[in-house]
Amino acid sequence: MRVKRGNKRVHKRQRYQKRTSGMYGGRSRWYRHAKEAMEKALGYSYRDRRDRKREFRALWIARINAAVRMVDPGLSYSSFMGGLKKAGVGLDRKSLADIAAADFEAFRTVAQVAQAALAS
């Protein structure tokens, strides 16, 4: 006896249809195009979850560097981070960037701690 796969096929196609419902043109209507579009979208989302981490780290570094240069134009980002490590300050880049944006005086204090550690 042959199997016609009626319900299974319908549910499978509905799953693709639901996930591609907001897409443009045939990508939301035709099964083959919807399937290709969804596979691409899932691949991009997997890749970009990793890229987002890189982009945020680069943003934090740029903000920290700008704040460090405002505190002392002769101090670089890398020497600042080296000074923090030498001083035993355990703040991560995200926290440092937030402090630099929200409370510059506190960041200035942290930068002075790093400079003192570098001088000694």
N, C-alpha and C. Protein backbone atom coordinates (compact mmCIF):
# COMPACT_ATOMS: atom_id res chain seq x y z
N MET A 1 0.84 -1.19 0.00
CA MET A 1 0.00 0.00 0.00
C MET A 1 0.88 1.24 0.00
N ARG A 2 0.56 2.22 -0.89
CA ARG A 2 1.43 3.38 -0.97
C ARG A 2 1.04 4.44 0.04
N VAL A 3 2.03 5.26 0.40
CA VAL A 3 1.82 6.33 1.37
C VAL A 3 1.81 7.66 0.62
N LYS A 4 0.78 8.48 0.82
CA LYS A 4 0.65 9.72 0.05
C LYS A 4 1.20 10.94 0.80
N ARG A 5 1.53 10.80 2.07
CA ARG A 5 2.17 11.85 2.87
C ARG A 5 1.35 13.14 2.97
N GLY A 6 0.04 13.05 2.90
CA GLY A 6 -0.81 14.24 2.86
C GLY A 6 -0.55 15.23 3.98
N ASN A 7 -0.80 14.81 5.22
CA ASN A 7 -0.68 15.73 6.35
C ASN A 7 0.76 16.16 6.59
N LYS A 8 1.68 15.22 6.48
CA LYS A 8 3.09 15.54 6.72
C LYS A 8 3.58 16.62 5.77
N ARG A 9 3.24 16.46 4.49
CA ARG A 9 3.69 17.44 3.49
C ARG A 9 3.07 18.81 3.76
N VAL A 10 1.81 18.83 4.10
CA VAL A 10 1.12 20.10 4.37
C VAL A 10 1.77 20.80 5.56
N HIS A 11 2.01 20.07 6.62
CA HIS A 11 2.59 20.67 7.83
C HIS A 11 4.01 21.16 7.57
N LYS A 12 4.76 20.39 6.79
CA LYS A 12 6.13 20.80 6.47
C LYS A 12 6.12 22.11 5.69
N ARG A 13 5.24 22.19 4.71
CA ARG A 13 5.16 23.40 3.90
C ARG A 13 4.63 24.58 4.72
N GLN A 14 3.71 24.31 5.61
CA GLN A 14 3.18 25.39 6.45
C GLN A 14 4.27 25.95 7.36
N ARG A 15 5.16 25.07 7.81
CA ARG A 15 6.25 25.52 8.68
C ARG A 15 7.15 26.50 7.93
N TYR A 16 7.48 26.19 6.68
CA TYR A 16 8.28 27.11 5.86
C TYR A 16 7.51 28.39 5.59
N GLN A 17 6.21 28.24 5.27
CA GLN A 17 5.37 29.39 4.95
C GLN A 17 5.30 30.36 6.14
N LYS A 18 5.18 29.80 7.33
CA LYS A 18 5.06 30.63 8.53
C LYS A 18 6.36 31.40 8.78
N ARG A 19 7.50 30.74 8.60
CA ARG A 19 8.78 31.39 8.90
C ARG A 19 9.19 32.40 7.85
N THR A 20 8.62 32.32 6.65
CA THR A 20 8.99 33.26 5.59
C THR A 20 7.85 34.21 5.27
N SER A 21 6.90 34.36 6.16
CA SER A 21 5.68 35.11 5.85
C SER A 21 5.95 36.59 5.58
N GLY A 22 6.97 37.17 6.18
CA GLY A 22 7.22 38.60 5.97
C GLY A 22 8.13 38.90 4.81
N MET A 23 8.60 37.88 4.11
CA MET A 23 9.56 38.10 3.04
C MET A 23 8.88 38.60 1.78
N TYR A 24 9.70 39.13 0.87
CA TYR A 24 9.22 39.81 -0.32
C TYR A 24 8.94 38.83 -1.45
N GLY A 25 7.83 39.06 -2.13
CA GLY A 25 7.51 38.32 -3.36
C GLY A 25 7.33 36.83 -3.16
N GLY A 26 7.89 36.06 -4.10
CA GLY A 26 7.72 34.62 -4.10
C GLY A 26 8.39 33.94 -2.92
N ARG A 27 9.30 34.64 -2.27
CA ARG A 27 9.98 34.04 -1.11
C ARG A 27 9.00 33.75 0.02
N SER A 28 7.87 34.43 0.02
CA SER A 28 6.88 34.16 1.06
C SER A 28 5.75 33.28 0.56
N ARG A 29 5.67 33.07 -0.77
CA ARG A 29 4.52 32.35 -1.31
C ARG A 29 4.86 30.99 -1.90
N TRP A 30 5.96 30.87 -2.61
CA TRP A 30 6.28 29.63 -3.29
C TRP A 30 7.18 28.78 -2.43
N TYR A 31 6.85 27.51 -2.32
CA TYR A 31 7.55 26.63 -1.39
C TYR A 31 9.04 26.57 -1.67
N ARG A 32 9.41 26.37 -2.92
CA ARG A 32 10.83 26.20 -3.23
C ARG A 32 11.61 27.47 -2.88
N HIS A 33 11.08 28.62 -3.25
CA HIS A 33 11.76 29.87 -2.95
C HIS A 33 11.76 30.15 -1.45
N ALA A 34 10.66 29.78 -0.80
CA ALA A 34 10.58 29.98 0.65
C ALA A 34 11.61 29.12 1.36
N LYS A 35 11.76 27.89 0.90
CA LYS A 35 12.73 26.98 1.52
C LYS A 35 14.15 27.51 1.36
N GLU A 36 14.49 27.97 0.15
CA GLU A 36 15.83 28.53 -0.10
C GLU A 36 16.06 29.78 0.75
N ALA A 37 15.03 30.63 0.81
CA ALA A 37 15.16 31.88 1.56
C ALA A 37 15.35 31.60 3.05
N MET A 38 14.62 30.60 3.56
CA MET A 38 14.73 30.29 4.98
C MET A 38 16.09 29.70 5.31
N GLU A 39 16.61 28.83 4.43
CA GLU A 39 17.93 28.26 4.67
C GLU A 39 18.99 29.35 4.67
N LYS A 40 18.89 30.30 3.73
CA LYS A 40 19.82 31.44 3.70
C LYS A 40 19.71 32.25 4.99
N ALA A 41 18.46 32.54 5.38
CA ALA A 41 18.23 33.37 6.56
C ALA A 41 18.80 32.72 7.81
N LEU A 42 18.60 31.42 7.94
CA LEU A 42 19.13 30.72 9.12
C LEU A 42 20.65 30.72 9.12
N GLY A 43 21.25 30.57 7.93
CA GLY A 43 22.71 30.62 7.84
C GLY A 43 23.25 31.99 8.21
N TYR A 44 22.57 33.04 7.72
CA TYR A 44 23.00 34.40 8.04
C TYR A 44 22.85 34.68 9.53
N SER A 45 21.76 34.21 10.12
CA SER A 45 21.54 34.49 11.54
C SER A 45 22.58 33.78 12.39
N TYR A 46 22.97 32.56 12.00
CA TYR A 46 24.02 31.84 12.73
C TYR A 46 25.33 32.60 12.63
N ARG A 47 25.70 33.01 11.41
CA ARG A 47 26.95 33.73 11.19
C ARG A 47 26.95 35.07 11.94
N ASP A 48 25.83 35.79 11.85
CA ASP A 48 25.80 37.14 12.40
C ASP A 48 25.70 37.18 13.91
N ARG A 49 25.27 36.08 14.53
CA ARG A 49 25.33 36.04 16.00
C ARG A 49 26.78 36.10 16.45
N ARG A 50 27.68 35.53 15.67
CA ARG A 50 29.11 35.59 16.00
C ARG A 50 29.70 36.94 15.61
N ASP A 51 29.28 37.47 14.46
CA ASP A 51 29.78 38.77 14.01
C ASP A 51 29.39 39.88 14.97
N ARG A 52 28.20 39.77 15.55
CA ARG A 52 27.73 40.82 16.47
C ARG A 52 28.68 40.96 17.66
N LYS A 53 29.20 39.84 18.14
CA LYS A 53 30.16 39.88 19.26
C LYS A 53 31.42 40.65 18.86
N ARG A 54 31.89 40.39 17.63
CA ARG A 54 33.08 41.09 17.13
C ARG A 54 32.82 42.58 17.00
N GLU A 55 31.65 42.92 16.44
CA GLU A 55 31.32 44.32 16.21
C GLU A 55 31.21 45.09 17.51
N PHE A 56 30.59 44.48 18.51
CA PHE A 56 30.47 45.17 19.80
C PHE A 56 31.83 45.34 20.45
N ARG A 57 32.68 44.34 20.37
CA ARG A 57 34.02 44.46 20.95
C ARG A 57 34.79 45.61 20.28
N ALA A 58 34.68 45.71 18.95
CA ALA A 58 35.35 46.80 18.23
C ALA A 58 34.79 48.16 18.65
N LEU A 59 33.48 48.23 18.86
CA LEU A 59 32.84 49.47 19.31
C LEU A 59 33.34 49.87 20.69
N TRP A 60 33.40 48.89 21.60
CA TRP A 60 33.87 49.19 22.97
C TRP A 60 35.32 49.67 22.94
N ILE A 61 36.15 49.03 22.12
CA ILE A 61 37.55 49.42 22.04
C ILE A 61 37.67 50.84 21.50
N ALA A 62 36.87 51.19 20.49
CA ALA A 62 36.92 52.54 19.94
C ALA A 62 36.50 53.56 20.98
N ARG A 63 35.47 53.26 21.76
CA ARG A 63 35.01 54.18 22.80
C ARG A 63 36.05 54.34 23.91
N ILE A 64 36.64 53.24 24.32
CA ILE A 64 37.67 53.30 25.36
C ILE A 64 38.86 54.11 24.87
N ASN A 65 39.27 53.86 23.64
CA ASN A 65 40.42 54.57 23.07
C ASN A 65 40.15 56.08 23.03
N ALA A 66 38.95 56.46 22.60
CA ALA A 66 38.60 57.88 22.54
C ALA A 66 38.64 58.51 23.93
N ALA A 67 38.12 57.80 24.91
CA ALA A 67 38.10 58.33 26.28
C ALA A 67 39.51 58.42 26.85
N VAL A 68 40.34 57.41 26.56
CA VAL A 68 41.73 57.42 27.03
C VAL A 68 42.47 58.62 26.45
N ARG A 69 42.26 58.89 25.15
CA ARG A 69 42.93 60.03 24.51
C ARG A 69 42.45 61.35 25.09
N MET A 70 41.20 61.40 25.56
CA MET A 70 40.70 62.63 26.19
C MET A 70 41.35 62.84 27.55
N VAL A 71 41.62 61.75 28.26
CA VAL A 71 42.27 61.86 29.57
C VAL A 71 43.72 62.30 29.38
N ASP A 72 44.45 61.63 28.49
CA ASP A 72 45.85 61.95 28.24
C ASP A 72 46.16 61.62 26.78
N PRO A 73 46.40 62.66 25.96
CA PRO A 73 46.65 62.40 24.53
C PRO A 73 47.85 61.50 24.25
N GLY A 74 48.78 61.41 25.19
CA GLY A 74 49.95 60.56 24.99
C GLY A 74 49.71 59.10 25.34
N LEU A 75 48.60 58.81 25.98
CA LEU A 75 48.30 57.44 26.42
C LEU A 75 47.52 56.71 25.32
N SER A 76 47.96 55.51 24.97
CA SER A 76 47.26 54.74 23.94
C SER A 76 46.35 53.70 24.60
N TYR A 77 45.47 53.15 23.78
CA TYR A 77 44.55 52.12 24.29
C TYR A 77 45.31 50.91 24.83
N SER A 78 46.31 50.47 24.07
CA SER A 78 47.01 49.25 24.47
C SER A 78 47.80 49.45 25.75
N SER A 79 48.44 50.61 25.90
CA SER A 79 49.18 50.86 27.14
C SER A 79 48.22 51.02 28.31
N PHE A 80 47.06 51.63 28.06
CA PHE A 80 46.03 51.76 29.10
C PHE A 80 45.59 50.38 29.58
N MET A 81 45.30 49.49 28.63
CA MET A 81 44.86 48.14 29.02
C MET A 81 45.98 47.39 29.73
N GLY A 82 47.21 47.60 29.28
CA GLY A 82 48.35 46.98 29.96
C GLY A 82 48.49 47.49 31.38
N GLY A 83 48.27 48.80 31.57
CA GLY A 83 48.33 49.38 32.91
C GLY A 83 47.25 48.84 33.82
N LEU A 84 46.05 48.66 33.27
CA LEU A 84 44.96 48.09 34.07
C LEU A 84 45.30 46.67 34.51
N LYS A 85 45.86 45.90 33.60
CA LYS A 85 46.23 44.52 33.93
C LYS A 85 47.31 44.51 35.00
N LYS A 86 48.28 45.42 34.86
CA LYS A 86 49.37 45.51 35.83
C LYS A 86 48.85 45.94 37.21
N ALA A 87 47.84 46.83 37.20
CA ALA A 87 47.26 47.31 38.46
C ALA A 87 46.30 46.30 39.08
N GLY A 88 45.94 45.28 38.32
CA GLY A 88 45.02 44.26 38.85
C GLY A 88 43.57 44.66 38.78
N VAL A 89 43.23 45.61 37.90
CA VAL A 89 41.84 46.04 37.72
C VAL A 89 41.16 45.04 36.79
N GLY A 90 40.08 44.45 37.24
CA GLY A 90 39.44 43.38 36.48
C GLY A 90 38.22 43.81 35.70
N LEU A 91 38.18 45.04 35.22
CA LEU A 91 37.03 45.49 34.43
C LEU A 91 37.16 45.03 32.99
N ASP A 92 36.05 44.57 32.41
CA ASP A 92 36.08 44.17 31.01
C ASP A 92 35.81 45.38 30.11
N ARG A 93 35.96 45.18 28.81
CA ARG A 93 35.85 46.28 27.87
C ARG A 93 34.45 46.86 27.83
N LYS A 94 33.44 46.03 27.97
CA LYS A 94 32.06 46.52 27.96
C LYS A 94 31.83 47.47 29.13
N SER A 95 32.30 47.10 30.31
CA SER A 95 32.13 47.94 31.49
C SER A 95 32.90 49.24 31.34
N LEU A 96 34.13 49.14 30.84
CA LEU A 96 34.95 50.34 30.67
C LEU A 96 34.30 51.31 29.68
N ALA A 97 33.74 50.78 28.60
CA ALA A 97 33.09 51.64 27.61
C ALA A 97 31.85 52.30 28.20
N ASP A 98 31.09 51.57 29.02
CA ASP A 98 29.92 52.15 29.67
C ASP A 98 30.32 53.24 30.65
N ILE A 99 31.37 52.99 31.41
CA ILE A 99 31.85 53.99 32.37
C ILE A 99 32.33 55.24 31.62
N ALA A 100 33.05 55.04 30.52
CA ALA A 100 33.55 56.17 29.73
C ALA A 100 32.41 57.02 29.18
N ALA A 101 31.31 56.38 28.78
CA ALA A 101 30.18 57.11 28.21
C ALA A 101 29.31 57.76 29.28
N ALA A 102 29.11 57.06 30.40
CA ALA A 102 28.15 57.54 31.40
C ALA A 102 28.79 58.44 32.46
N ASP A 103 29.99 58.10 32.91
CA ASP A 103 30.61 58.83 34.03
C ASP A 103 32.09 59.03 33.72
N PHE A 104 32.39 60.13 33.04
CA PHE A 104 33.76 60.35 32.57
C PHE A 104 34.74 60.55 33.73
N GLU A 105 34.28 61.15 34.81
CA GLU A 105 35.18 61.38 35.96
C GLU A 105 35.63 60.06 36.57
N ALA A 106 34.74 59.11 36.64
CA ALA A 106 35.10 57.78 37.14
C ALA A 106 36.10 57.12 36.19
N PHE A 107 35.89 57.31 34.89
CA PHE A 107 36.82 56.75 33.92
C PHE A 107 38.19 57.41 34.05
N ARG A 108 38.20 58.72 34.31
CA ARG A 108 39.47 59.43 34.50
C ARG A 108 40.24 58.82 35.68
N THR A 109 39.51 58.48 36.74
CA THR A 109 40.14 57.85 37.91
C THR A 109 40.74 56.49 37.54
N VAL A 110 40.00 55.72 36.78
CA VAL A 110 40.50 54.42 36.34
C VAL A 110 41.75 54.59 35.48
N ALA A 111 41.71 55.59 34.60
CA ALA A 111 42.87 55.85 33.72
C ALA A 111 44.09 56.27 34.55
N GLN A 112 43.87 57.03 35.61
CA GLN A 112 44.98 57.44 36.46
C GLN A 112 45.57 56.25 37.20
N VAL A 113 44.72 55.31 37.59
CA VAL A 113 45.21 54.09 38.22
C VAL A 113 46.09 53.32 37.24
N ALA A 114 45.65 53.24 35.98
CA ALA A 114 46.43 52.53 34.97
C ALA A 114 47.76 53.24 34.71
N GLN A 115 47.75 54.57 34.67
CA GLN A 115 48.97 55.33 34.45
C GLN A 115 49.96 55.15 35.61
N ALA A 116 49.41 55.13 36.83
CA ALA A 116 50.27 54.94 38.00
C ALA A 116 50.93 53.56 37.98
N ALA A 117 50.17 52.56 37.53
CA ALA A 117 50.71 51.21 37.45
C ALA A 117 51.81 51.13 36.39
N LEU A 118 51.62 51.89 35.30
CA LEU A 118 52.63 51.89 34.24
C LEU A 118 53.91 52.62 34.69
N ALA A 119 53.73 53.65 35.51
CA ALA A 119 54.88 54.44 35.96
C ALA A 119 55.73 53.66 36.96
N SER A 120 55.10 52.80 37.74
CA SER A 120 55.86 52.07 38.77
C SER A 120 56.54 50.83 38.22
